[in-house]
Amino acid sequence: MKTAETRLSRKKPWNRVSTPVYSISSRDTAGNANMNIITYALPVSLTPNRFIIAVYRPSLTLEILRDQPRFVLQLLGEDQYRLTNLLGMHSGRITDKIGRLAKRKLLGEWKGFAVLKDCLAVMEMTITSELETDGDHAIFHCQVNQFSNQREGQPLTLDTLRTHKMIRI
């Protein structure tokens, strides 16, 4: 039987922290919307408001952001954990995520972007620069243009996804 100490010693230090789960809402030049899950997002300046985000390299979102650097970062609520399967485990190149969300009446609109109706907060952002990296994620420095708190609630975190056995890390 594994002890708590054994399980802990196998975890990588960066997987011990329960970070918030966000979704990026982006639009291509034709106005087609896409959403995905992002867990590598970190506020790095209060004045002015700035974030660093990391986007998975093979994703459609990365392709869109490099062409259209304005997007919405949505802070998901703990009760939205089921959305991570659609938004994080399916490619926007194959799956019409927006169509599925619309069919379930889960979408609203903010600043011309499709957003999740029940997310906790939305932040309109613009990429100011991309950092040169060789990892599996592209890293961007972003300015927060505007934000809006949408409702009260606890943020969705990696620990919630672990509890529901949606991730193993």
N, C-alpha and C. Protein backbone atom coordinates (compact mmCIF):
# COMPACT_ATOMS: atom_id res chain seq x y z
N MET A 1 0.84 -1.18 0.00
CA MET A 1 0.00 0.00 0.00
C MET A 1 0.88 1.25 0.00
N LYS A 2 0.51 2.22 -0.84
CA LYS A 2 1.28 3.46 -0.92
C LYS A 2 0.93 4.36 0.26
N THR A 3 1.94 4.91 0.85
CA THR A 3 1.72 5.86 1.93
C THR A 3 1.62 7.26 1.33
N ALA A 4 1.13 8.19 2.13
CA ALA A 4 1.04 9.58 1.67
C ALA A 4 2.42 10.11 1.33
N GLU A 5 3.42 9.70 2.10
CA GLU A 5 4.79 10.16 1.83
C GLU A 5 5.29 9.64 0.49
N THR A 6 4.98 8.39 0.16
CA THR A 6 5.40 7.81 -1.12
C THR A 6 4.72 8.55 -2.27
N ARG A 7 3.42 8.78 -2.16
CA ARG A 7 2.69 9.50 -3.22
C ARG A 7 3.26 10.91 -3.39
N LEU A 8 3.54 11.55 -2.28
CA LEU A 8 4.08 12.91 -2.32
C LEU A 8 5.45 12.94 -2.97
N SER A 9 6.29 11.99 -2.67
CA SER A 9 7.64 12.00 -3.22
C SER A 9 7.64 11.79 -4.73
N ARG A 10 6.60 11.20 -5.30
CA ARG A 10 6.53 10.98 -6.74
C ARG A 10 6.00 12.20 -7.49
N LYS A 11 5.36 13.11 -6.79
CA LYS A 11 4.82 14.30 -7.45
C LYS A 11 5.93 15.28 -7.75
N LYS A 12 5.87 15.85 -8.94
CA LYS A 12 6.81 16.91 -9.29
C LYS A 12 6.38 18.16 -8.52
N PRO A 13 7.32 18.99 -8.09
CA PRO A 13 6.97 20.16 -7.27
C PRO A 13 5.91 21.05 -7.91
N TRP A 14 5.97 21.25 -9.24
CA TRP A 14 5.01 22.13 -9.89
C TRP A 14 3.62 21.52 -9.97
N ASN A 15 3.50 20.21 -9.75
CA ASN A 15 2.18 19.58 -9.73
C ASN A 15 1.57 19.53 -8.33
N ARG A 16 2.28 20.04 -7.34
CA ARG A 16 1.76 20.07 -5.98
C ARG A 16 0.88 21.30 -5.76
N VAL A 17 0.99 22.28 -6.63
CA VAL A 17 0.23 23.52 -6.50
C VAL A 17 -1.08 23.39 -7.28
N SER A 18 -2.16 23.79 -6.65
CA SER A 18 -3.45 23.74 -7.33
C SER A 18 -3.75 25.10 -7.96
N THR A 19 -3.45 25.22 -9.23
CA THR A 19 -3.63 26.49 -9.92
C THR A 19 -5.04 26.63 -10.48
N PRO A 20 -5.49 27.85 -10.74
CA PRO A 20 -6.81 28.06 -11.33
C PRO A 20 -6.87 27.54 -12.77
N VAL A 21 -8.07 27.22 -13.18
CA VAL A 21 -8.31 26.76 -14.54
C VAL A 21 -9.06 27.87 -15.28
N TYR A 22 -8.53 28.26 -16.42
CA TYR A 22 -9.11 29.31 -17.25
C TYR A 22 -9.52 28.71 -18.60
N SER A 23 -10.25 29.51 -19.35
CA SER A 23 -10.52 29.18 -20.75
C SER A 23 -10.20 30.42 -21.58
N ILE A 24 -9.60 30.20 -22.72
CA ILE A 24 -9.37 31.30 -23.67
C ILE A 24 -10.47 31.26 -24.71
N SER A 25 -11.08 32.40 -24.94
CA SER A 25 -12.02 32.57 -26.04
C SER A 25 -11.33 33.44 -27.07
N SER A 26 -11.20 32.90 -28.28
CA SER A 26 -10.49 33.62 -29.35
C SER A 26 -11.34 33.61 -30.62
N ARG A 27 -10.96 34.48 -31.57
CA ARG A 27 -11.65 34.55 -32.88
C ARG A 27 -10.61 34.64 -33.97
N ASP A 28 -10.84 33.90 -35.04
CA ASP A 28 -9.93 34.01 -36.17
C ASP A 28 -10.33 35.23 -37.02
N THR A 29 -9.60 35.49 -38.10
CA THR A 29 -9.86 36.67 -38.93
C THR A 29 -11.25 36.65 -39.56
N ALA A 30 -11.84 35.47 -39.75
CA ALA A 30 -13.19 35.36 -40.31
C ALA A 30 -14.26 35.50 -39.23
N GLY A 31 -13.84 35.65 -37.96
CA GLY A 31 -14.80 35.79 -36.87
C GLY A 31 -15.25 34.48 -36.25
N ASN A 32 -14.66 33.36 -36.67
CA ASN A 32 -15.00 32.06 -36.10
C ASN A 32 -14.42 31.95 -34.70
N ALA A 33 -15.28 31.61 -33.75
CA ALA A 33 -14.87 31.54 -32.35
C ALA A 33 -14.30 30.16 -32.00
N ASN A 34 -13.41 30.16 -31.01
CA ASN A 34 -12.83 28.92 -30.49
C ASN A 34 -12.59 29.13 -28.99
N MET A 35 -12.63 28.03 -28.23
CA MET A 35 -12.30 28.07 -26.80
C MET A 35 -11.42 26.89 -26.47
N ASN A 36 -10.58 27.09 -25.48
CA ASN A 36 -9.81 25.98 -24.94
C ASN A 36 -9.53 26.20 -23.47
N ILE A 37 -8.94 25.20 -22.85
CA ILE A 37 -8.58 25.26 -21.43
C ILE A 37 -7.13 25.70 -21.32
N ILE A 38 -6.86 26.49 -20.29
CA ILE A 38 -5.49 26.93 -20.02
C ILE A 38 -5.29 26.94 -18.50
N THR A 39 -4.22 26.30 -18.06
CA THR A 39 -3.91 26.32 -16.63
C THR A 39 -2.62 27.08 -16.35
N TYR A 40 -1.85 27.36 -17.39
CA TYR A 40 -0.64 28.15 -17.21
C TYR A 40 -0.96 29.61 -17.50
N ALA A 41 -1.50 30.29 -16.51
CA ALA A 41 -1.82 31.72 -16.61
C ALA A 41 -1.47 32.34 -15.26
N LEU A 42 -0.71 33.42 -15.30
CA LEU A 42 -0.21 34.00 -14.07
C LEU A 42 -0.19 35.53 -14.14
N PRO A 43 -0.86 36.19 -13.19
CA PRO A 43 -0.72 37.64 -13.15
C PRO A 43 0.70 37.99 -12.73
N VAL A 44 1.31 38.94 -13.44
CA VAL A 44 2.71 39.29 -13.15
C VAL A 44 2.91 40.77 -12.85
N SER A 45 1.85 41.57 -12.96
CA SER A 45 1.95 42.99 -12.64
C SER A 45 0.56 43.52 -12.30
N LEU A 46 0.49 44.32 -11.24
CA LEU A 46 -0.79 44.92 -10.86
C LEU A 46 -1.01 46.27 -11.53
N THR A 47 0.10 47.02 -11.70
CA THR A 47 0.00 48.32 -12.34
C THR A 47 1.13 48.46 -13.33
N PRO A 48 0.88 48.36 -14.61
CA PRO A 48 -0.40 48.02 -15.22
C PRO A 48 -0.68 46.51 -15.08
N ASN A 49 -1.95 46.13 -15.27
CA ASN A 49 -2.33 44.72 -15.17
C ASN A 49 -1.73 43.93 -16.33
N ARG A 50 -0.93 42.91 -15.98
CA ARG A 50 -0.27 42.07 -16.98
C ARG A 50 -0.35 40.61 -16.55
N PHE A 51 -0.42 39.72 -17.52
CA PHE A 51 -0.42 38.28 -17.32
C PHE A 51 0.64 37.66 -18.20
N ILE A 52 1.13 36.51 -17.79
CA ILE A 52 1.90 35.61 -18.64
C ILE A 52 1.01 34.39 -18.85
N ILE A 53 0.84 33.96 -20.10
CA ILE A 53 0.06 32.76 -20.38
C ILE A 53 0.90 31.83 -21.24
N ALA A 54 0.61 30.54 -21.13
CA ALA A 54 1.29 29.54 -21.96
C ALA A 54 0.21 28.74 -22.69
N VAL A 55 0.36 28.63 -24.00
CA VAL A 55 -0.63 27.98 -24.85
C VAL A 55 0.04 26.78 -25.52
N TYR A 56 -0.65 25.65 -25.46
CA TYR A 56 -0.13 24.40 -26.02
C TYR A 56 0.16 24.57 -27.51
N ARG A 57 1.33 24.16 -27.94
CA ARG A 57 1.79 24.42 -29.31
C ARG A 57 0.91 23.83 -30.41
N PRO A 58 0.45 22.60 -30.34
CA PRO A 58 -0.34 22.11 -31.48
C PRO A 58 -1.78 22.66 -31.56
N SER A 59 -2.16 23.53 -30.63
CA SER A 59 -3.57 23.92 -30.56
C SER A 59 -3.98 24.95 -31.62
N LEU A 60 -5.25 24.90 -31.97
CA LEU A 60 -5.84 25.89 -32.86
C LEU A 60 -5.78 27.27 -32.20
N THR A 61 -5.94 27.31 -30.90
CA THR A 61 -5.88 28.59 -30.18
C THR A 61 -4.55 29.29 -30.42
N LEU A 62 -3.46 28.57 -30.39
CA LEU A 62 -2.16 29.18 -30.64
C LEU A 62 -2.10 29.80 -32.03
N GLU A 63 -2.59 29.07 -33.00
CA GLU A 63 -2.62 29.57 -34.38
C GLU A 63 -3.43 30.87 -34.46
N ILE A 64 -4.59 30.88 -33.80
CA ILE A 64 -5.45 32.07 -33.83
C ILE A 64 -4.78 33.24 -33.11
N LEU A 65 -4.22 32.99 -31.93
CA LEU A 65 -3.63 34.09 -31.15
C LEU A 65 -2.44 34.73 -31.85
N ARG A 66 -1.70 33.96 -32.58
CA ARG A 66 -0.56 34.55 -33.31
C ARG A 66 -1.04 35.46 -34.43
N ASP A 67 -2.24 35.21 -34.93
CA ASP A 67 -2.81 36.04 -36.00
C ASP A 67 -3.70 37.15 -35.45
N GLN A 68 -4.42 36.85 -34.38
CA GLN A 68 -5.36 37.78 -33.75
C GLN A 68 -5.04 37.86 -32.26
N PRO A 69 -4.20 38.79 -31.84
CA PRO A 69 -3.68 38.80 -30.47
C PRO A 69 -4.64 39.29 -29.38
N ARG A 70 -5.85 39.67 -29.75
CA ARG A 70 -6.84 40.08 -28.75
C ARG A 70 -7.74 38.87 -28.44
N PHE A 71 -7.99 38.61 -27.15
CA PHE A 71 -8.77 37.45 -26.74
C PHE A 71 -9.39 37.71 -25.37
N VAL A 72 -10.20 36.76 -24.91
CA VAL A 72 -10.78 36.85 -23.57
C VAL A 72 -10.31 35.65 -22.76
N LEU A 73 -9.77 35.95 -21.58
CA LEU A 73 -9.41 34.92 -20.62
C LEU A 73 -10.54 34.82 -19.61
N GLN A 74 -11.11 33.61 -19.48
CA GLN A 74 -12.25 33.40 -18.60
C GLN A 74 -11.83 32.56 -17.40
N LEU A 75 -12.12 33.03 -16.19
CA LEU A 75 -11.86 32.27 -14.98
C LEU A 75 -13.06 31.36 -14.74
N LEU A 76 -12.83 30.05 -14.77
CA LEU A 76 -13.92 29.10 -14.62
C LEU A 76 -14.27 28.89 -13.15
N GLY A 77 -15.54 28.58 -12.91
CA GLY A 77 -16.02 28.26 -11.57
C GLY A 77 -15.86 26.78 -11.29
N GLU A 78 -15.76 26.46 -10.02
CA GLU A 78 -15.57 25.07 -9.60
C GLU A 78 -16.64 24.14 -10.15
N ASP A 79 -17.86 24.65 -10.31
CA ASP A 79 -18.96 23.84 -10.82
C ASP A 79 -18.89 23.63 -12.33
N GLN A 80 -17.93 24.21 -12.99
CA GLN A 80 -17.78 24.06 -14.44
C GLN A 80 -16.74 23.00 -14.83
N TYR A 81 -16.37 22.15 -13.91
CA TYR A 81 -15.30 21.18 -14.17
C TYR A 81 -15.60 20.26 -15.35
N ARG A 82 -16.88 19.98 -15.61
CA ARG A 82 -17.21 19.08 -16.72
C ARG A 82 -16.86 19.68 -18.09
N LEU A 83 -16.75 20.99 -18.17
CA LEU A 83 -16.42 21.64 -19.45
C LEU A 83 -14.98 21.37 -19.89
N THR A 84 -14.13 20.97 -18.95
CA THR A 84 -12.72 20.77 -19.31
C THR A 84 -12.54 19.63 -20.31
N ASN A 85 -13.42 18.67 -20.31
CA ASN A 85 -13.31 17.59 -21.29
C ASN A 85 -13.50 18.14 -22.71
N LEU A 86 -14.58 18.88 -22.93
CA LEU A 86 -14.84 19.46 -24.25
C LEU A 86 -13.77 20.49 -24.62
N LEU A 87 -13.49 21.41 -23.72
CA LEU A 87 -12.60 22.52 -24.06
C LEU A 87 -11.12 22.15 -24.04
N GLY A 88 -10.76 21.09 -23.31
CA GLY A 88 -9.36 20.75 -23.19
C GLY A 88 -8.93 19.47 -23.87
N MET A 89 -9.85 18.56 -24.09
CA MET A 89 -9.47 17.26 -24.64
C MET A 89 -9.88 17.08 -26.10
N HIS A 90 -10.48 18.10 -26.67
CA HIS A 90 -10.90 18.04 -28.07
C HIS A 90 -10.27 19.21 -28.83
N SER A 91 -9.85 18.94 -30.03
CA SER A 91 -9.25 19.98 -30.87
C SER A 91 -10.35 20.79 -31.55
N GLY A 92 -10.17 22.09 -31.57
CA GLY A 92 -11.09 22.97 -32.30
C GLY A 92 -11.03 22.76 -33.80
N ARG A 93 -9.99 22.07 -34.27
CA ARG A 93 -9.90 21.75 -35.69
C ARG A 93 -10.87 20.62 -36.07
N ILE A 94 -11.23 19.80 -35.10
CA ILE A 94 -12.10 18.64 -35.35
C ILE A 94 -13.49 18.83 -34.75
N THR A 95 -13.55 19.40 -33.56
CA THR A 95 -14.80 19.53 -32.82
C THR A 95 -15.29 20.96 -32.82
N ASP A 96 -16.57 21.15 -33.12
CA ASP A 96 -17.19 22.47 -33.04
C ASP A 96 -17.58 22.73 -31.59
N LYS A 97 -16.60 23.19 -30.81
CA LYS A 97 -16.83 23.43 -29.38
C LYS A 97 -17.90 24.50 -29.17
N ILE A 98 -17.83 25.56 -29.95
CA ILE A 98 -18.79 26.66 -29.80
C ILE A 98 -20.20 26.18 -30.12
N GLY A 99 -20.35 25.38 -31.16
CA GLY A 99 -21.65 24.82 -31.52
C GLY A 99 -22.21 23.95 -30.40
N ARG A 100 -21.37 23.14 -29.81
CA ARG A 100 -21.82 22.27 -28.70
C ARG A 100 -22.22 23.09 -27.49
N LEU A 101 -21.44 24.12 -27.18
CA LEU A 101 -21.77 24.98 -26.04
C LEU A 101 -23.06 25.76 -26.30
N ALA A 102 -23.23 26.23 -27.52
CA ALA A 102 -24.45 26.97 -27.88
C ALA A 102 -25.68 26.06 -27.77
N LYS A 103 -25.55 24.84 -28.23
CA LYS A 103 -26.66 23.88 -28.16
C LYS A 103 -27.09 23.64 -26.71
N ARG A 104 -26.12 23.68 -25.80
CA ARG A 104 -26.41 23.49 -24.37
C ARG A 104 -26.77 24.80 -23.67
N LYS A 105 -26.86 25.87 -24.46
CA LYS A 105 -27.22 27.21 -23.96
C LYS A 105 -26.26 27.70 -22.86
N LEU A 106 -24.98 27.47 -23.09
CA LEU A 106 -23.95 27.86 -22.12
C LEU A 106 -23.18 29.11 -22.53
N LEU A 107 -23.53 29.69 -23.68
CA LEU A 107 -22.76 30.83 -24.19
C LEU A 107 -23.47 32.16 -24.03
N GLY A 108 -22.66 33.15 -23.79
CA GLY A 108 -23.08 34.54 -23.82
C GLY A 108 -22.11 35.28 -24.72
N GLU A 109 -22.10 36.61 -24.62
CA GLU A 109 -21.21 37.43 -25.44
C GLU A 109 -20.67 38.55 -24.58
N TRP A 110 -19.39 38.86 -24.75
CA TRP A 110 -18.76 39.99 -24.06
C TRP A 110 -17.66 40.53 -24.95
N LYS A 111 -17.71 41.81 -25.22
CA LYS A 111 -16.69 42.49 -26.04
C LYS A 111 -16.54 41.85 -27.42
N GLY A 112 -17.65 41.30 -27.95
CA GLY A 112 -17.62 40.68 -29.26
C GLY A 112 -17.11 39.25 -29.28
N PHE A 113 -16.85 38.68 -28.11
CA PHE A 113 -16.36 37.31 -28.00
C PHE A 113 -17.43 36.42 -27.39
N ALA A 114 -17.47 35.18 -27.84
CA ALA A 114 -18.31 34.17 -27.19
C ALA A 114 -17.67 33.88 -25.83
N VAL A 115 -18.47 33.92 -24.77
CA VAL A 115 -17.97 33.61 -23.43
C VAL A 115 -18.93 32.64 -22.75
N LEU A 116 -18.41 31.95 -21.77
CA LEU A 116 -19.23 31.04 -20.98
C LEU A 116 -20.10 31.84 -20.02
N LYS A 117 -21.40 31.62 -20.09
CA LYS A 117 -22.34 32.39 -19.26
C LYS A 117 -22.02 32.35 -17.78
N ASP A 118 -21.62 31.21 -17.28
CA ASP A 118 -21.46 31.06 -15.84
C ASP A 118 -20.02 31.10 -15.35
N CYS A 119 -19.10 31.65 -16.15
CA CYS A 119 -17.73 31.77 -15.65
C CYS A 119 -17.71 32.83 -14.54
N LEU A 120 -16.69 32.79 -13.72
CA LEU A 120 -16.59 33.72 -12.60
C LEU A 120 -16.19 35.13 -13.03
N ALA A 121 -15.29 35.20 -14.01
CA ALA A 121 -14.78 36.50 -14.45
C ALA A 121 -14.28 36.39 -15.88
N VAL A 122 -14.26 37.52 -16.56
CA VAL A 122 -13.72 37.59 -17.91
C VAL A 122 -12.73 38.76 -17.97
N MET A 123 -11.67 38.56 -18.77
CA MET A 123 -10.65 39.59 -18.94
C MET A 123 -10.33 39.71 -20.42
N GLU A 124 -10.55 40.87 -20.97
CA GLU A 124 -10.15 41.12 -22.36
C GLU A 124 -8.66 41.41 -22.33
N MET A 125 -7.90 40.70 -23.15
CA MET A 125 -6.45 40.82 -23.15
C MET A 125 -5.91 41.02 -24.56
N THR A 126 -4.73 41.59 -24.61
CA THR A 126 -3.99 41.72 -25.86
C THR A 126 -2.57 41.23 -25.61
N ILE A 127 -2.10 40.39 -26.50
CA ILE A 127 -0.72 39.91 -26.41
C ILE A 127 0.21 41.06 -26.77
N THR A 128 1.19 41.30 -25.91
CA THR A 128 2.16 42.36 -26.18
C THR A 128 3.47 41.80 -26.72
N SER A 129 3.78 40.54 -26.34
CA SER A 129 4.99 39.90 -26.88
C SER A 129 4.94 38.40 -26.65
N GLU A 130 5.71 37.69 -27.47
CA GLU A 130 5.87 36.25 -27.30
C GLU A 130 7.31 36.00 -26.89
N LEU A 131 7.49 35.19 -25.88
CA LEU A 131 8.83 34.85 -25.43
C LEU A 131 9.33 33.65 -26.22
N GLU A 132 10.58 33.68 -26.58
CA GLU A 132 11.19 32.57 -27.31
C GLU A 132 11.40 31.41 -26.34
N THR A 133 10.79 30.26 -26.65
CA THR A 133 10.95 29.07 -25.82
C THR A 133 11.03 27.83 -26.70
N ASP A 134 11.50 26.75 -26.12
CA ASP A 134 11.57 25.50 -26.87
C ASP A 134 10.66 24.43 -26.27
N GLY A 135 9.83 24.76 -25.32
CA GLY A 135 8.95 23.79 -24.67
C GLY A 135 7.71 23.49 -25.50
N ASP A 136 6.82 22.71 -24.89
CA ASP A 136 5.60 22.31 -25.59
C ASP A 136 4.51 23.37 -25.55
N HIS A 137 4.78 24.50 -24.86
CA HIS A 137 3.84 25.62 -24.82
C HIS A 137 4.53 26.89 -25.31
N ALA A 138 3.79 27.71 -26.02
CA ALA A 138 4.25 29.05 -26.40
C ALA A 138 3.89 30.00 -25.26
N ILE A 139 4.77 30.92 -24.94
CA ILE A 139 4.56 31.80 -23.80
C ILE A 139 4.38 33.24 -24.28
N PHE A 140 3.31 33.88 -23.75
CA PHE A 140 2.96 35.23 -24.15
C PHE A 140 2.86 36.14 -22.94
N HIS A 141 3.30 37.37 -23.13
CA HIS A 141 3.09 38.45 -22.16
C HIS A 141 1.87 39.21 -22.66
N CYS A 142 0.90 39.46 -21.78
CA CYS A 142 -0.37 40.06 -22.19
C CYS A 142 -0.75 41.22 -21.29
N GLN A 143 -1.38 42.21 -21.87
CA GLN A 143 -1.95 43.29 -21.08
C GLN A 143 -3.44 43.02 -20.89
N VAL A 144 -3.94 43.37 -19.72
CA VAL A 144 -5.38 43.26 -19.44
C VAL A 144 -6.00 44.60 -19.83
N ASN A 145 -6.88 44.56 -20.83
CA ASN A 145 -7.54 45.79 -21.29
C ASN A 145 -8.74 46.15 -20.41
N GLN A 146 -9.56 45.17 -20.15
CA GLN A 146 -10.74 45.34 -19.30
C GLN A 146 -11.06 44.01 -18.65
N PHE A 147 -11.81 44.08 -17.54
CA PHE A 147 -12.25 42.84 -16.89
C PHE A 147 -13.64 43.05 -16.33
N SER A 148 -14.31 41.95 -16.05
CA SER A 148 -15.63 42.00 -15.43
C SER A 148 -15.81 40.75 -14.58
N ASN A 149 -16.16 40.95 -13.32
CA ASN A 149 -16.54 39.83 -12.47
C ASN A 149 -17.98 39.48 -12.79
N GLN A 150 -18.23 38.21 -13.10
CA GLN A 150 -19.54 37.79 -13.57
C GLN A 150 -20.43 37.23 -12.46
N ARG A 151 -19.83 36.51 -11.51
CA ARG A 151 -20.62 35.94 -10.42
C ARG A 151 -19.70 35.53 -9.28
N GLU A 152 -20.28 35.27 -8.13
CA GLU A 152 -19.55 34.77 -6.98
C GLU A 152 -19.28 33.29 -7.17
N GLY A 153 -18.36 32.75 -6.42
CA GLY A 153 -18.09 31.32 -6.45
C GLY A 153 -16.62 31.03 -6.31
N GLN A 154 -16.32 29.77 -6.10
CA GLN A 154 -14.94 29.31 -5.99
C GLN A 154 -14.39 29.01 -7.38
N PRO A 155 -13.15 29.39 -7.64
CA PRO A 155 -12.54 29.07 -8.93
C PRO A 155 -12.32 27.57 -9.11
N LEU A 156 -12.43 27.14 -10.33
CA LEU A 156 -12.05 25.78 -10.68
C LEU A 156 -10.53 25.69 -10.56
N THR A 157 -10.04 24.63 -9.93
CA THR A 157 -8.60 24.44 -9.77
C THR A 157 -8.20 23.04 -10.22
N LEU A 158 -6.91 22.84 -10.34
CA LEU A 158 -6.41 21.52 -10.69
C LEU A 158 -6.81 20.47 -9.66
N ASP A 159 -6.88 20.86 -8.37
CA ASP A 159 -7.29 19.90 -7.35
C ASP A 159 -8.72 19.40 -7.58
N THR A 160 -9.60 20.29 -8.04
CA THR A 160 -10.97 19.87 -8.35
C THR A 160 -10.95 18.85 -9.49
N LEU A 161 -10.15 19.11 -10.51
CA LEU A 161 -10.05 18.17 -11.63
C LEU A 161 -9.45 16.84 -11.17
N ARG A 162 -8.49 16.89 -10.25
CA ARG A 162 -7.92 15.65 -9.69
C ARG A 162 -8.98 14.88 -8.91
N THR A 163 -9.76 15.58 -8.10
CA THR A 163 -10.81 14.94 -7.30
C THR A 163 -11.80 14.21 -8.18
N HIS A 164 -12.14 14.80 -9.32
CA HIS A 164 -13.10 14.19 -10.25
C HIS A 164 -12.41 13.24 -11.24
N LYS A 165 -11.12 12.97 -10.99
CA LYS A 165 -10.32 12.04 -11.82
C LYS A 165 -10.30 12.43 -13.29
N MET A 166 -10.26 13.75 -13.54
CA MET A 166 -10.20 14.24 -14.91
C MET A 166 -8.76 14.47 -15.35
N ILE A 167 -7.85 14.56 -14.38
CA ILE A 167 -6.42 14.65 -14.68
C ILE A 167 -5.67 13.80 -13.66
N ARG A 168 -4.45 13.42 -14.01
CA ARG A 168 -3.65 12.57 -13.13
C ARG A 168 -2.50 13.31 -12.47
N ILE A 169 -2.15 14.46 -12.96
CA ILE A 169 -0.96 15.15 -12.43
C ILE A 169 -1.23 15.76 -11.07
